[in-house]
Protein backbone atom coordinates (compact mmCIF):
# COMPACT_ATOMS: atom_id res chain seq x y z
CA MET A 1 0.00 0.00 0.00
CA SER A 2 1.22 3.48 -0.76
CA LYS A 3 -0.14 6.96 -0.45
CA TRP A 4 -0.32 9.43 -3.27
CA VAL A 5 -1.19 13.09 -3.29
CA CYS A 6 -2.09 14.80 -6.53
CA CYS A 7 -1.53 18.51 -6.87
CA VAL A 8 -3.27 19.56 -10.07
CA THR A 9 -3.61 22.94 -11.71
CA ILE A 10 -6.65 23.66 -9.60
CA GLY A 11 -4.18 23.86 -6.75
CA ALA A 12 -5.83 21.49 -4.27
CA PHE A 13 -3.99 18.65 -2.55
CA TRP A 14 -6.11 15.51 -2.55
CA ALA A 15 -4.99 12.66 -0.31
CA LEU A 16 -5.82 9.27 -1.74
CA ASP A 17 -5.45 6.86 1.16
CA GLY A 18 -5.79 3.15 0.75
CA LEU A 19 -4.91 3.12 -2.94
CA GLN A 20 -3.56 -0.36 -3.64
CA ARG A 21 -1.54 -1.34 -6.62
CA SER A 22 -1.13 -5.02 -7.45
CA SER A 23 2.25 -6.27 -8.53
CA ARG A 24 0.69 -7.19 -11.86
CA GLU A 25 -0.41 -3.57 -12.50
CA ARG A 26 3.02 -2.27 -11.58
CA SER A 27 4.83 -4.69 -13.82
CA SER A 28 2.47 -4.08 -16.74
CA GLY A 29 3.31 -0.39 -16.75
CA LEU A 30 -0.33 0.66 -17.16
CA ILE A 31 0.14 3.66 -14.90
CA ALA A 32 3.23 4.83 -16.75
CA SER A 33 1.58 4.39 -20.15
CA SER A 34 -1.51 6.33 -19.09
CA LEU A 35 0.70 9.19 -17.98
CA ARG A 36 2.59 9.16 -21.24
CA ALA A 37 -0.69 9.34 -23.12
CA SER A 38 -1.86 12.53 -21.40
CA PRO A 39 -0.42 16.02 -20.82
CA VAL A 40 -0.38 15.29 -17.10
CA GLN A 41 3.08 14.71 -15.72
CA MET A 42 3.89 13.00 -12.44
CA PHE A 43 7.23 13.44 -10.76
CA ARG A 44 8.88 13.55 -7.36
CA PRO A 45 9.65 17.10 -6.18
CA ALA A 46 13.12 18.00 -5.00
CA PHE A 47 11.76 20.11 -2.15
CA ASP A 48 9.61 19.70 0.96
CA VAL A 49 5.89 20.05 0.48
CA ASP A 50 4.28 22.78 2.55
CA ALA A 51 0.65 21.72 2.92
CA PRO A 52 -0.62 23.03 6.27
CA HIS A 53 -4.23 22.56 5.26
CA LEU A 54 -3.85 18.76 5.10
CA GLY A 55 -4.81 17.24 8.38
CA GLY A 56 -6.28 14.15 10.06
CA SER A 57 -6.62 11.23 7.68
CA ASP A 58 -5.35 13.46 4.88
CA ARG A 59 -1.83 13.69 6.32
CA VAL A 60 0.71 12.00 4.10
CA ASN A 61 4.27 10.84 4.20
CA ARG A 62 6.17 13.76 2.63
CA ALA A 63 8.73 11.37 1.18
CA GLU A 64 5.96 9.75 -0.88
CA VAL A 65 4.22 12.87 -2.13
CA TYR A 66 4.01 13.40 -5.89
CA PHE A 67 2.65 16.30 -7.92
CA MET A 68 0.71 16.45 -11.15
CA THR A 69 0.24 19.48 -13.35
CA MET A 70 -1.28 20.34 -16.70
CA ILE A 71 0.34 23.73 -17.27
CA ASP A 72 3.59 23.68 -19.24
CA GLY A 73 4.93 20.73 -17.24
CA LYS A 74 5.72 22.94 -14.24
CA ALA A 75 5.29 21.76 -10.66
CA ILE A 76 2.53 23.44 -8.71
CA ALA A 77 3.84 24.20 -5.22
CA VAL A 78 4.17 26.95 -2.69
CA ARG A 79 5.57 30.12 -4.26
CA HIS A 80 7.62 32.81 -2.57
CA GLU A 81 7.43 36.17 -4.34
CA ARG A 82 9.65 39.16 -3.54
CA ILE A 83 7.77 42.46 -3.92
CA ASP A 84 9.46 45.01 -6.17
CA ASP A 85 8.74 48.70 -6.57
CA ALA A 86 6.14 48.01 -9.28
CA ALA A 87 3.90 46.11 -6.86
CA ALA A 88 4.69 48.11 -3.71
CA GLY A 89 1.65 49.91 -2.29
CA GLN A 90 -0.92 47.42 -3.60
CA ARG A 91 -3.29 45.64 -1.23
CA ILE A 92 -2.46 41.98 -0.73
CA ASP A 93 -5.91 40.78 -1.92
CA ASN A 94 -5.66 42.80 -5.14
CA TYR A 95 -2.09 41.60 -5.66
CA LEU A 96 -3.17 37.96 -5.37
CA MET A 97 -6.06 38.43 -7.79
CA ARG A 98 -3.72 40.13 -10.26
CA ILE A 99 -1.04 37.43 -10.29
CA ALA A 100 -3.52 34.53 -10.26
CA LYS A 101 -6.14 35.60 -12.77
CA GLY A 102 -9.06 33.21 -12.86
CA VAL A 103 -8.92 32.43 -9.15
CA PRO A 104 -12.36 33.02 -7.56
CA LYS A 105 -12.35 35.94 -5.13
CA SER A 106 -13.86 33.72 -2.47
CA HIS A 107 -10.82 31.43 -2.69
CA VAL A 108 -8.39 34.36 -2.43
CA TYR A 109 -10.08 35.59 0.76
CA ARG A 110 -10.26 32.04 2.16
CA ILE A 111 -6.51 31.46 1.88
CA LEU A 112 -5.91 34.90 3.41
CA ARG A 113 -8.19 34.14 6.37
CA SER A 114 -6.69 30.69 6.88
CA GLY A 115 -3.16 32.06 7.03
CA GLU A 116 -1.94 30.09 4.00
CA VAL A 117 -0.80 33.41 2.53
CA ARG A 118 1.92 35.00 4.64
CA VAL A 119 3.98 38.15 4.29
CA ASN A 120 7.46 37.97 5.81
CA GLY A 121 6.38 34.81 7.64
CA ARG A 122 3.33 36.42 9.29
CA ARG A 123 -0.41 36.37 8.71
CA VAL A 124 -1.82 39.59 7.27
CA GLN A 125 -5.26 41.12 6.83
CA GLN A 126 -6.71 41.48 3.32
CA THR A 127 -6.22 45.26 3.61
CA TYR A 128 -2.45 44.97 4.15
CA ARG A 129 -0.51 47.09 1.66
CA LEU A 130 2.64 45.50 0.32
CA ALA A 131 6.00 47.19 0.76
CA GLU A 132 9.05 46.84 -1.46
CA GLY A 133 11.13 43.89 -0.27
CA ASP A 134 8.22 42.00 1.32
CA GLU A 135 8.31 38.24 0.78
CA VAL A 136 4.89 36.78 0.05
CA ARG A 137 4.19 33.08 0.55
CA ILE A 138 1.52 31.90 -1.90
CA PRO A 139 0.03 28.40 -1.59
CA PRO A 140 -1.10 26.35 -4.59
CA VAL A 141 -4.25 28.05 -5.91
CA ARG A 142 -7.12 27.26 -8.22
CA ILE A 143 -6.50 28.73 -11.68
CA ALA A 144 -9.11 28.51 -14.39
CA GLN A 145 -7.90 27.52 -17.84
CA ALA A 146 -7.89 30.77 -19.80
CA GLU A 147 -9.27 30.89 -23.31
CA ARG A 148 -6.62 31.36 -25.96
CA SER A 149 -7.00 34.73 -27.67
CA ALA A 150 -4.93 36.51 -30.24
CA PRO A 151 -2.45 38.97 -28.70
CA ALA A 152 -2.99 42.65 -29.32
CA PRO A 153 -1.09 43.85 -32.40
CA ALA A 154 1.74 46.26 -31.70
CA GLY A 155 0.40 48.79 -34.19
CA LYS A 156 1.84 52.26 -34.55
CA PRO A 157 3.66 53.65 -31.51
CA LEU A 158 1.28 55.71 -29.39
CA PRO A 159 2.36 59.35 -29.09
CA VAL A 160 4.13 59.86 -25.75
CA VAL A 161 3.91 63.35 -24.23
CA TYR A 162 5.92 62.57 -21.10
CA GLU A 163 7.66 59.59 -19.51
CA ASP A 164 9.79 58.82 -16.47
CA ASP A 165 10.36 55.70 -14.37
CA ALA A 166 6.98 56.03 -12.59
CA LEU A 167 4.48 57.04 -15.27
CA LEU A 168 3.91 58.03 -18.84
CA VAL A 169 1.39 60.38 -20.46
CA ILE A 170 0.16 59.64 -23.97
CA ASP A 171 -1.96 61.57 -26.46
CA LYS A 172 -4.68 59.00 -27.19
CA PRO A 173 -6.21 59.10 -30.68
CA SER A 174 -9.98 59.10 -31.08
CA GLY A 175 -11.63 55.77 -31.91
CA LYS A 176 -9.30 53.70 -29.72
CA ALA A 177 -10.65 52.22 -26.47
CA VAL A 178 -8.40 52.54 -23.43
CA HIS A 179 -8.79 48.79 -22.70
CA GLY A 180 -10.37 45.68 -24.16
CA GLY A 181 -13.87 44.49 -23.24
CA SER A 182 -17.51 45.03 -24.28
CA GLY A 183 -16.90 43.77 -27.80
CA VAL A 184 -13.43 45.37 -28.07
CA SER A 185 -10.63 42.80 -28.22
CA TYR A 186 -7.87 45.18 -27.15
CA GLY A 187 -7.24 48.82 -26.36
CA VAL A 188 -4.52 51.30 -25.49
CA ILE A 189 -3.24 49.46 -22.42
CA GLU A 190 -2.98 46.09 -24.19
CA GLN A 191 -1.23 47.72 -27.13
CA LEU A 192 1.23 49.50 -24.84
CA ARG A 193 2.10 46.21 -23.13
CA VAL A 194 2.92 44.67 -26.51
CA GLN A 195 4.94 47.70 -27.61
CA ARG A 196 6.82 47.92 -24.29
CA PRO A 197 7.43 44.33 -23.14
CA GLU A 198 10.42 45.39 -21.02
CA LEU A 199 8.10 47.21 -18.57
CA ARG A 200 6.93 44.96 -15.74
CA MET A 201 3.82 47.02 -15.03
CA LEU A 202 1.56 49.26 -17.09
CA GLU A 203 -1.83 50.25 -15.65
CA LEU A 204 -4.36 52.95 -16.55
CA ALA A 205 -4.55 55.72 -13.95
CA HIS A 206 -7.90 56.92 -15.37
CA ARG A 207 -10.04 56.47 -18.47
CA LEU A 208 -11.19 58.30 -21.56
CA ASP A 209 -14.19 57.38 -23.68
CA ARG A 210 -13.37 55.59 -26.91
CA GLU A 211 -14.25 58.59 -29.11
CA THR A 212 -12.47 61.08 -26.85
CA SER A 213 -8.93 62.02 -27.82
CA GLY A 214 -6.20 63.52 -25.69
CA LEU A 215 -4.09 63.14 -22.58
CA LEU A 216 -4.11 59.83 -20.72
CA ILE A 217 -1.94 58.87 -17.72
CA VAL A 218 -0.49 55.34 -17.47
CA ALA A 219 1.31 54.23 -14.31
CA LYS A 220 4.53 52.19 -14.43
CA LYS A 221 4.77 51.64 -10.67
CA ARG A 222 2.15 50.44 -8.22
CA SER A 223 3.08 53.20 -5.76
CA ALA A 224 2.50 55.82 -8.48
CA LEU A 225 -0.83 54.28 -9.44
CA THR A 226 -2.08 54.25 -5.85
CA ALA A 227 -1.00 57.86 -5.31
CA LEU A 228 -2.63 59.00 -8.56
CA HIS A 229 -5.92 57.33 -7.61
CA ASP A 230 -5.83 59.10 -4.24
CA MET A 231 -5.07 62.44 -5.91
CA MET A 232 -7.95 62.06 -8.38
CA ARG A 233 -10.37 61.07 -5.64
CA GLU A 234 -9.34 64.16 -3.67
CA GLY A 235 -9.57 66.48 -6.69
CA ARG A 236 -5.83 67.17 -6.89
CA VAL A 237 -5.51 66.38 -10.62
CA GLU A 238 -6.61 69.23 -12.89
CA LYS A 239 -8.23 67.97 -16.10
CA ARG A 240 -9.55 70.27 -18.83
CA TYR A 241 -11.27 69.34 -22.08
CA LEU A 242 -12.26 71.16 -25.26
CA THR A 243 -15.65 70.51 -26.79
CA LEU A 244 -17.89 72.02 -29.47
CA VAL A 245 -21.64 72.42 -28.87
CA PRO A 246 -24.44 73.71 -31.11
CA GLY A 247 -25.93 77.09 -30.24
CA ARG A 248 -24.56 80.24 -28.66
CA TRP A 249 -23.28 79.67 -25.15
CA ALA A 250 -23.95 82.80 -23.10
CA ASN A 251 -21.81 82.71 -19.95
CA ALA A 252 -18.07 83.27 -19.88
CA LEU A 253 -17.90 81.03 -16.78
CA GLN A 254 -20.55 78.63 -15.50
CA HIS A 255 -20.45 76.02 -12.73
CA VAL A 256 -22.66 72.98 -13.30
CA LYS A 257 -23.48 70.84 -10.27
CA ALA A 258 -25.90 68.07 -11.18
CA PRO A 259 -25.83 64.51 -9.72
CA LEU A 260 -25.39 61.70 -12.23
CA HIS A 261 -26.96 58.23 -12.15
CA LYS A 262 -25.79 55.25 -14.21
CA TYR A 263 -28.35 52.85 -15.67
CA LEU A 264 -28.81 50.27 -18.43
CA THR A 265 -31.11 50.66 -21.41
CA ALA A 266 -33.53 47.93 -22.47
CA GLU A 267 -30.83 46.82 -24.93
CA GLY A 268 -28.31 46.50 -22.08
CA GLU A 269 -26.26 49.58 -23.03
CA ARG A 270 -24.74 51.74 -20.32
CA ARG A 271 -26.17 55.26 -20.01
CA VAL A 272 -26.03 58.13 -17.53
CA ARG A 273 -28.66 60.73 -16.65
CA VAL A 274 -29.04 63.64 -14.27
CA SER A 275 -30.95 62.35 -11.25
CA GLU A 276 -31.38 63.40 -7.63
CA ASP A 277 -30.41 59.90 -6.49
CA GLY A 278 -27.17 60.02 -8.50
CA LYS A 279 -23.60 60.73 -7.38
CA PRO A 280 -22.43 64.36 -7.00
CA ALA A 281 -20.86 65.76 -10.18
CA HIS A 282 -19.29 69.17 -10.76
CA SER A 283 -18.15 70.66 -14.08
CA VAL A 284 -16.86 74.16 -14.79
CA MET A 285 -17.65 75.53 -18.28
CA ARG A 286 -15.64 78.36 -19.85
CA LEU A 287 -16.47 79.97 -23.17
CA VAL A 288 -13.45 79.88 -25.51
CA ARG A 289 -14.97 81.02 -28.79
CA ARG A 290 -18.36 81.51 -30.38
CA TRP A 291 -19.61 81.29 -33.97
CA ARG A 292 -23.05 82.03 -35.36
CA ASP A 293 -24.36 78.51 -34.65
CA TYR A 294 -21.69 76.88 -32.46
CA SER A 295 -19.66 77.47 -29.31
CA LEU A 296 -16.25 76.12 -28.30
CA LEU A 297 -16.05 75.42 -24.57
CA GLU A 298 -13.31 74.47 -22.14
CA VAL A 299 -14.65 72.13 -19.45
CA GLU A 300 -12.82 71.56 -16.19
CA LEU A 301 -13.77 68.42 -14.29
CA LYS A 302 -14.02 68.74 -10.52
CA THR A 303 -15.33 65.18 -10.32
CA GLY A 304 -14.74 62.31 -12.73
CA ARG A 305 -18.10 60.62 -13.30
CA THR A 306 -18.81 58.46 -16.34
CA HIS A 307 -19.86 60.59 -19.36
CA GLN A 308 -19.93 63.64 -17.07
CA ILE A 309 -19.24 66.35 -19.67
CA ARG A 310 -21.57 64.78 -22.23
CA VAL A 311 -24.51 64.41 -19.85
CA HIS A 312 -24.10 67.78 -18.12
CA LEU A 313 -24.07 69.67 -21.41
CA ALA A 314 -26.93 67.64 -22.92
CA HIS A 315 -28.94 68.34 -19.75
CA LEU A 316 -28.41 72.08 -20.32
CA GLY A 317 -29.58 71.80 -23.94
CA PHE A 318 -26.10 71.90 -25.48
CA PRO A 319 -25.28 68.31 -26.53
CA LEU A 320 -21.78 67.68 -27.84
CA CYS A 321 -21.36 67.81 -31.60
CA GLY A 322 -21.00 64.26 -32.91
CA ASP A 323 -22.12 62.55 -29.68
CA ASP A 324 -23.86 59.33 -30.73
CA LYS A 325 -25.31 58.62 -27.27
CA TYR A 326 -26.60 61.91 -25.90
CA GLY A 327 -26.39 64.17 -28.95
CA ASP A 328 -28.71 65.59 -31.59
CA PHE A 329 -28.75 62.71 -34.10
CA ALA A 330 -30.15 64.76 -37.01
CA LEU A 331 -27.48 67.41 -36.44
CA ASN A 332 -24.80 64.72 -36.24
CA LYS A 333 -25.71 63.49 -39.73
CA ARG A 334 -25.43 67.01 -41.10
CA LEU A 335 -22.12 67.56 -39.32
CA GLU A 336 -20.76 64.33 -40.77
CA ALA A 337 -21.59 65.55 -44.26
CA GLU A 338 -19.74 68.78 -43.44
CA GLY A 339 -16.61 66.96 -42.30
CA LEU A 340 -17.02 66.25 -38.56
CA LYS A 341 -17.06 62.45 -38.39
CA ARG A 342 -16.39 61.98 -34.64
CA MET A 343 -17.45 63.35 -31.28
CA PHE A 344 -15.87 66.73 -30.60
CA LEU A 345 -14.30 66.08 -27.18
CA HIS A 346 -10.58 66.35 -26.50
CA ALA A 347 -8.63 66.01 -23.23
CA ALA A 348 -6.49 69.09 -23.79
CA MET A 349 -4.76 69.76 -20.46
CA LEU A 350 -3.51 67.92 -17.37
CA SER A 351 -1.80 69.35 -14.30
CA PHE A 352 -0.82 67.52 -11.11
CA ALA A 353 1.99 66.98 -8.64
CA HIS A 354 4.20 64.04 -9.53
CA PRO A 355 2.93 61.12 -7.39
CA LEU A 356 6.42 60.24 -6.13
CA THR A 357 8.54 63.40 -6.31
CA GLY A 358 5.92 66.11 -5.77
CA GLU A 359 7.15 68.08 -8.80
CA VAL A 360 4.31 69.96 -10.51
CA LEU A 361 3.68 68.56 -13.99
CA SER A 362 1.56 70.31 -16.64
CA PHE A 363 0.81 69.00 -20.12
CA GLU A 364 -1.17 70.20 -23.12
CA ALA A 365 -2.28 68.38 -26.24
CA ALA A 366 -3.25 70.34 -29.34
CA LEU A 367 -6.54 69.62 -31.06
CA PRO A 368 -6.25 66.71 -33.51
CA ALA A 369 -6.10 67.70 -37.16
CA GLU A 370 -9.69 66.61 -37.91
CA LEU A 371 -11.12 68.79 -35.12
CA GLN A 372 -8.97 71.78 -35.99
CA ALA A 373 -10.02 71.38 -39.65
CA PHE A 374 -13.68 71.61 -38.66
CA LEU A 375 -13.08 74.82 -36.71
CA THR A 376 -11.35 76.21 -39.80
CA TYR A 377 -14.43 75.21 -41.80
CA LEU A 378 -16.62 77.18 -39.34
CA ASP A 379 -14.36 80.23 -39.78
CA ILE A 380 -14.81 80.03 -43.55
CA GLN A 381 -18.57 79.66 -43.18
CA GLU A 382 -18.67 82.63 -40.81
CA ARG A 383 -16.79 84.85 -43.25
CA GLY A 384 -19.13 83.73 -46.01
CA HIS A 385 -22.11 85.01 -44.05
CA GLY A 386 -20.48 88.39 -43.72
C-alpha cells in the first residue's frame, strides 16, 4: 500500500489513502503508459511540500508525495514572491487576484483568512498594503484555464507626451478604447504592453471614452498608481477638455453641479442621466470662442463621473457635436456631411503633482487635425455670411 497526493492545476492537494496497486499492475506499466498518453506529468519534487491545510486522515508521508500538473509541465507548489517597486503599495488581496487571474475571489479571501498566505512569515489582513522587499508566501491556488486569444497587435507607436520611471502620459487618438472588453478585443493598455514588453507594469490611472482624444496617464509603478488614484479622488488632478456644442453659449464662466446616475437601457447599453439619487458631479464651463451657430467650450472636471461632460451639457440643452449617445442625431448626420465624423471632445490639459517626487507637472495636447479642420471650416462659413 502506498499513499499518493495529486496537486493539479486547480491547486488542491487531494490525499488518496488506501490506494492499492497489485504487482501485476506495476509490472504491466499501465500507470506509466496512461501518464505518457496525457499532458499530465507525475514526478517527485526535489523540495519539501508545505501543505498546512492537510490534516487528520489526509496527512501524508512527505517522502511519498508526488505532484501532477497540466500547465507547461511545471510543478505546482508553494511560491515565494519578492515584492518590487512596481507592486509596492498594492493591497495583498488585489495583488493575489492580479497574479492569479481566474482564481475566484472567495478562494483568495479564504486562503488569506486561513493564514496560507503569509507576508514575511506572518499572517496579514486582506487590507495589508505591500512594501518593497516584502516576501509573500503563496500556496497552490485554483487557476481557471484561460481561453486562448490573439495577442494585441503592436500597431503604430502611441504618441508619448511625457515619460519617467513612474508614469507616462500619452496623447490618445480618437476611436481607440483605453482597454479591451464590451466587444473590443484590445485597447490602449494592451497595445502598450505589446509595444513595451520590457516594462513589468503598465496600468491605466484613469479612463477616456473611446471617441475622446487627448491626454491619458499610465502608471509604471504600483506606488504611483495608488497615489494618482488618491489624488484624483481628492480632486488634486486638474483635467480640462475642449468641446464644441451647437448654439450660442452665453456665460463666460458657469459652474454645473448636477448629480449623475448610471443605468442600463432595455438593450443593455450603459447610459447616464441627471438624477437626484445620482452621485455628485461638478463641471466648470468656460467659453473659448463663439460662432453664429456653435460654441467652443473648455470644461474643467471637478469630479470624474462616467460621461460627465456629455450628460451635463446635454442636460443644459447643449449636446456635444458628434455625440452618438446623448447628442442631436439629425445634427450629427449634417455635421458628418460637413466633415465632422467623430465626437468633438478632446482632453487638452492635465496638471498635477508628480505622485512620487511632488514636482508639478503640466501637459497640453493640441486639437487633432480633424477637429482643428472643422473649426477652420466654421471660420470660412462665418466669413461667407459676412
